[in-house]
N, C-alpha and C. Protein backbone atom coordinates (compact mmCIF):
# COMPACT_ATOMS: atom_id res chain seq x y z
N UNK A 1 -50.22 11.50 140.81
CA UNK A 1 -49.22 11.24 139.78
C UNK A 1 -47.99 10.57 140.38
N UNK A 2 -47.57 11.05 141.55
CA UNK A 2 -46.40 10.47 142.20
C UNK A 2 -46.64 9.00 142.54
N UNK A 3 -47.87 8.69 142.95
CA UNK A 3 -48.23 7.32 143.28
C UNK A 3 -48.12 6.41 142.04
N UNK A 4 -48.57 6.92 140.89
CA UNK A 4 -48.49 6.15 139.65
C UNK A 4 -47.04 5.89 139.27
N UNK A 5 -46.19 6.88 139.41
CA UNK A 5 -44.77 6.71 139.10
C UNK A 5 -44.14 5.68 140.03
N UNK A 6 -44.45 5.76 141.31
CA UNK A 6 -43.90 4.79 142.28
C UNK A 6 -44.38 3.37 141.98
N UNK A 7 -45.65 3.22 141.62
CA UNK A 7 -46.17 1.89 141.28
C UNK A 7 -45.49 1.34 140.02
N UNK A 8 -45.29 2.21 139.04
CA UNK A 8 -44.64 1.77 137.79
C UNK A 8 -43.20 1.34 138.06
N UNK A 9 -42.48 2.11 138.83
CA UNK A 9 -41.08 1.77 139.15
C UNK A 9 -41.02 0.47 139.94
N UNK A 10 -41.90 0.30 140.90
CA UNK A 10 -41.87 -0.93 141.69
C UNK A 10 -42.29 -2.14 140.85
N UNK A 11 -43.19 -1.93 139.86
CA UNK A 11 -43.58 -3.04 139.00
C UNK A 11 -42.42 -3.47 138.10
N UNK A 12 -41.68 -2.51 137.57
CA UNK A 12 -40.56 -2.84 136.68
C UNK A 12 -39.46 -3.55 137.47
N UNK A 13 -39.08 -3.02 138.61
CA UNK A 13 -38.03 -3.58 139.47
C UNK A 13 -36.71 -3.69 138.71
N UNK A 14 -35.69 -4.22 139.37
CA UNK A 14 -34.35 -4.29 138.79
C UNK A 14 -34.30 -5.26 137.62
N UNK A 15 -34.91 -6.43 137.76
CA UNK A 15 -34.86 -7.43 136.69
C UNK A 15 -35.58 -6.94 135.44
N UNK A 16 -36.72 -6.31 135.62
CA UNK A 16 -37.45 -5.76 134.48
C UNK A 16 -36.66 -4.67 133.78
N UNK A 17 -35.97 -3.86 134.57
CA UNK A 17 -35.13 -2.82 133.99
C UNK A 17 -34.02 -3.39 133.15
N UNK A 18 -33.45 -4.49 133.60
CA UNK A 18 -32.40 -5.15 132.82
C UNK A 18 -32.97 -5.68 131.50
N UNK A 19 -34.16 -6.25 131.54
CA UNK A 19 -34.81 -6.74 130.31
C UNK A 19 -35.05 -5.58 129.34
N UNK A 20 -35.53 -4.46 129.87
CA UNK A 20 -35.81 -3.30 129.02
C UNK A 20 -34.53 -2.79 128.36
N UNK A 21 -33.46 -2.63 129.14
CA UNK A 21 -32.20 -2.11 128.60
C UNK A 21 -31.62 -3.03 127.54
N UNK A 22 -31.59 -4.33 127.83
CA UNK A 22 -31.04 -5.29 126.86
C UNK A 22 -31.86 -5.28 125.57
N UNK A 23 -33.17 -5.23 125.68
CA UNK A 23 -34.01 -5.23 124.48
C UNK A 23 -33.89 -3.94 123.69
N UNK A 24 -33.71 -2.81 124.39
CA UNK A 24 -33.45 -1.55 123.67
C UNK A 24 -32.19 -1.69 122.83
N UNK A 25 -31.13 -2.19 123.44
CA UNK A 25 -29.86 -2.32 122.75
C UNK A 25 -29.93 -3.32 121.60
N UNK A 26 -30.45 -4.51 121.87
CA UNK A 26 -30.48 -5.55 120.84
C UNK A 26 -31.37 -5.14 119.67
N UNK A 27 -32.57 -4.65 119.95
CA UNK A 27 -33.49 -4.32 118.86
C UNK A 27 -32.97 -3.16 118.01
N UNK A 28 -32.39 -2.15 118.65
CA UNK A 28 -31.91 -1.02 117.86
C UNK A 28 -30.64 -1.37 117.09
N UNK A 29 -29.76 -2.15 117.68
CA UNK A 29 -28.53 -2.55 116.97
C UNK A 29 -28.87 -3.46 115.79
N UNK A 30 -29.76 -4.42 116.01
CA UNK A 30 -30.15 -5.31 114.90
C UNK A 30 -30.87 -4.52 113.80
N UNK A 31 -31.67 -3.53 114.18
CA UNK A 31 -32.34 -2.71 113.18
C UNK A 31 -31.34 -1.93 112.35
N UNK A 32 -30.27 -1.46 112.98
CA UNK A 32 -29.23 -0.73 112.25
C UNK A 32 -28.42 -1.68 111.37
N UNK A 33 -28.03 -2.83 111.91
CA UNK A 33 -27.15 -3.74 111.18
C UNK A 33 -27.87 -4.52 110.08
N UNK A 34 -29.10 -4.93 110.32
CA UNK A 34 -29.81 -5.76 109.34
C UNK A 34 -31.01 -4.97 108.81
N UNK A 35 -32.12 -5.01 109.54
CA UNK A 35 -33.28 -4.15 109.27
C UNK A 35 -34.23 -4.20 110.45
N UNK A 36 -35.25 -3.38 110.40
CA UNK A 36 -36.15 -3.23 111.54
C UNK A 36 -36.89 -4.53 111.85
N UNK A 37 -37.35 -5.21 110.81
CA UNK A 37 -38.12 -6.45 111.02
C UNK A 37 -37.27 -7.52 111.70
N UNK A 38 -36.06 -7.68 111.26
CA UNK A 38 -35.16 -8.64 111.88
C UNK A 38 -34.87 -8.24 113.32
N UNK A 39 -34.71 -6.95 113.57
CA UNK A 39 -34.47 -6.48 114.93
C UNK A 39 -35.59 -6.84 115.88
N UNK A 40 -36.83 -6.62 115.44
CA UNK A 40 -37.99 -6.94 116.29
C UNK A 40 -38.12 -8.45 116.49
N UNK A 41 -38.07 -9.19 115.40
CA UNK A 41 -38.27 -10.65 115.49
C UNK A 41 -37.15 -11.30 116.30
N UNK A 42 -35.91 -10.93 116.02
CA UNK A 42 -34.78 -11.52 116.74
C UNK A 42 -34.86 -11.22 118.23
N UNK A 43 -35.15 -9.98 118.59
CA UNK A 43 -35.22 -9.61 120.00
C UNK A 43 -36.37 -10.31 120.71
N UNK A 44 -37.53 -10.38 120.05
CA UNK A 44 -38.68 -11.06 120.65
C UNK A 44 -38.38 -12.54 120.85
N UNK A 45 -37.81 -13.18 119.84
CA UNK A 45 -37.48 -14.61 119.96
C UNK A 45 -36.43 -14.84 121.04
N UNK A 46 -35.47 -13.95 121.14
CA UNK A 46 -34.46 -14.05 122.19
C UNK A 46 -35.10 -14.02 123.57
N UNK A 47 -36.04 -13.10 123.77
CA UNK A 47 -36.74 -13.01 125.04
C UNK A 47 -37.60 -14.23 125.33
N UNK A 48 -38.29 -14.73 124.31
CA UNK A 48 -39.14 -15.92 124.50
C UNK A 48 -38.30 -17.14 124.84
N UNK A 49 -37.22 -17.34 124.12
CA UNK A 49 -36.35 -18.49 124.40
C UNK A 49 -35.78 -18.40 125.82
N UNK A 50 -35.38 -17.20 126.24
CA UNK A 50 -34.86 -17.04 127.59
C UNK A 50 -35.90 -17.38 128.64
N UNK A 51 -37.14 -16.93 128.42
CA UNK A 51 -38.19 -17.19 129.41
C UNK A 51 -38.62 -18.66 129.42
N UNK A 52 -38.63 -19.31 128.28
CA UNK A 52 -38.92 -20.75 128.24
C UNK A 52 -37.85 -21.49 129.03
N UNK A 53 -36.59 -21.10 128.83
CA UNK A 53 -35.49 -21.71 129.57
C UNK A 53 -35.62 -21.45 131.07
N UNK A 54 -35.99 -20.23 131.45
CA UNK A 54 -36.19 -19.91 132.86
C UNK A 54 -37.31 -20.76 133.47
N UNK A 55 -38.40 -20.95 132.71
CA UNK A 55 -39.51 -21.75 133.23
C UNK A 55 -39.12 -23.22 133.38
N UNK A 56 -38.28 -23.69 132.48
CA UNK A 56 -37.78 -25.07 132.61
C UNK A 56 -36.93 -25.23 133.87
N UNK A 57 -36.32 -24.12 134.32
CA UNK A 57 -35.49 -24.14 135.52
C UNK A 57 -36.31 -23.86 136.78
N UNK A 58 -37.63 -23.68 136.64
CA UNK A 58 -38.48 -23.51 137.81
C UNK A 58 -39.07 -22.14 138.03
N UNK A 59 -38.83 -21.20 137.13
CA UNK A 59 -39.40 -19.86 137.28
C UNK A 59 -40.91 -19.93 137.06
N UNK A 60 -41.65 -19.00 137.64
CA UNK A 60 -43.11 -19.02 137.54
C UNK A 60 -43.57 -18.34 136.26
N UNK A 61 -44.78 -18.68 135.84
CA UNK A 61 -45.37 -18.06 134.66
C UNK A 61 -45.55 -16.56 134.88
N UNK A 62 -45.92 -16.17 136.08
CA UNK A 62 -46.11 -14.75 136.39
C UNK A 62 -44.81 -13.97 136.17
N UNK A 63 -43.70 -14.49 136.65
CA UNK A 63 -42.41 -13.82 136.45
C UNK A 63 -42.04 -13.76 134.98
N UNK A 64 -42.29 -14.85 134.26
CA UNK A 64 -41.94 -14.89 132.84
C UNK A 64 -42.79 -13.91 132.04
N UNK A 65 -44.08 -13.81 132.36
CA UNK A 65 -44.93 -12.85 131.66
C UNK A 65 -44.50 -11.41 131.96
N UNK A 66 -44.10 -11.16 133.19
CA UNK A 66 -43.57 -9.84 133.56
C UNK A 66 -42.33 -9.52 132.74
N UNK A 67 -41.43 -10.49 132.64
CA UNK A 67 -40.20 -10.27 131.88
C UNK A 67 -40.49 -10.06 130.41
N UNK A 68 -41.45 -10.81 129.85
CA UNK A 68 -41.81 -10.63 128.44
C UNK A 68 -42.45 -9.27 128.20
N UNK A 69 -43.24 -8.79 129.16
CA UNK A 69 -43.82 -7.45 129.04
C UNK A 69 -42.71 -6.39 129.04
N UNK A 70 -41.72 -6.57 129.90
CA UNK A 70 -40.58 -5.65 129.93
C UNK A 70 -39.78 -5.74 128.63
N UNK A 71 -39.67 -6.95 128.07
CA UNK A 71 -39.02 -7.11 126.77
C UNK A 71 -39.75 -6.31 125.70
N UNK A 72 -41.08 -6.39 125.70
CA UNK A 72 -41.88 -5.66 124.71
C UNK A 72 -41.70 -4.15 124.86
N UNK A 73 -41.64 -3.68 126.10
CA UNK A 73 -41.39 -2.25 126.34
C UNK A 73 -40.02 -1.86 125.79
N UNK A 74 -39.02 -2.69 126.03
CA UNK A 74 -37.67 -2.41 125.53
C UNK A 74 -37.61 -2.40 124.01
N UNK A 75 -38.30 -3.35 123.38
CA UNK A 75 -38.34 -3.39 121.92
C UNK A 75 -38.99 -2.13 121.37
N UNK A 76 -40.09 -1.71 121.98
CA UNK A 76 -40.79 -0.50 121.53
C UNK A 76 -39.91 0.73 121.67
N UNK A 77 -39.22 0.85 122.80
CA UNK A 77 -38.32 1.99 123.00
C UNK A 77 -37.16 1.94 122.01
N UNK A 78 -36.60 0.75 121.79
CA UNK A 78 -35.51 0.60 120.84
C UNK A 78 -35.92 1.00 119.43
N UNK A 79 -37.13 0.60 119.02
CA UNK A 79 -37.61 0.98 117.69
C UNK A 79 -37.86 2.48 117.60
N UNK A 80 -38.41 3.04 118.66
CA UNK A 80 -38.62 4.48 118.69
C UNK A 80 -37.30 5.22 118.51
N UNK A 81 -36.29 4.81 119.27
CA UNK A 81 -34.97 5.45 119.17
C UNK A 81 -34.37 5.26 117.79
N UNK A 82 -34.54 4.07 117.22
CA UNK A 82 -34.03 3.81 115.86
C UNK A 82 -34.67 4.76 114.86
N UNK A 83 -36.01 4.90 114.92
CA UNK A 83 -36.70 5.75 113.97
C UNK A 83 -36.36 7.23 114.18
N UNK A 84 -36.23 7.66 115.41
CA UNK A 84 -35.83 9.04 115.68
C UNK A 84 -34.43 9.29 115.11
N UNK A 85 -33.52 8.37 115.36
CA UNK A 85 -32.16 8.52 114.85
C UNK A 85 -32.16 8.47 113.33
N UNK A 86 -32.90 7.55 112.74
CA UNK A 86 -32.93 7.37 111.29
C UNK A 86 -33.55 8.58 110.58
N UNK A 87 -34.57 9.17 111.16
CA UNK A 87 -35.22 10.31 110.53
C UNK A 87 -34.41 11.57 110.60
N UNK A 88 -33.49 11.65 111.57
CA UNK A 88 -32.67 12.85 111.71
C UNK A 88 -31.41 12.84 110.85
N UNK A 89 -31.15 11.75 110.13
CA UNK A 89 -29.95 11.70 109.29
C UNK A 89 -30.12 12.41 107.99
């Protein structure tokens, strides 16, 4: 189990963690301010546009796919937190 946790942490790394945190914040805030669908779509498009821009600047496809996977994790966590918060009101 400890090995799995270490592998997961090393796979996410610092940059992936930043993607996850930003996507948690953006998706949950947009879900609160507008609605859930806009939150998901806006956050996903934001991540895609950023990665396309990074690839135009020379980033590799592997790095961009990693970042997009971290974006998806962040969106999922943000939606989970939104629904937990929304159901408790």
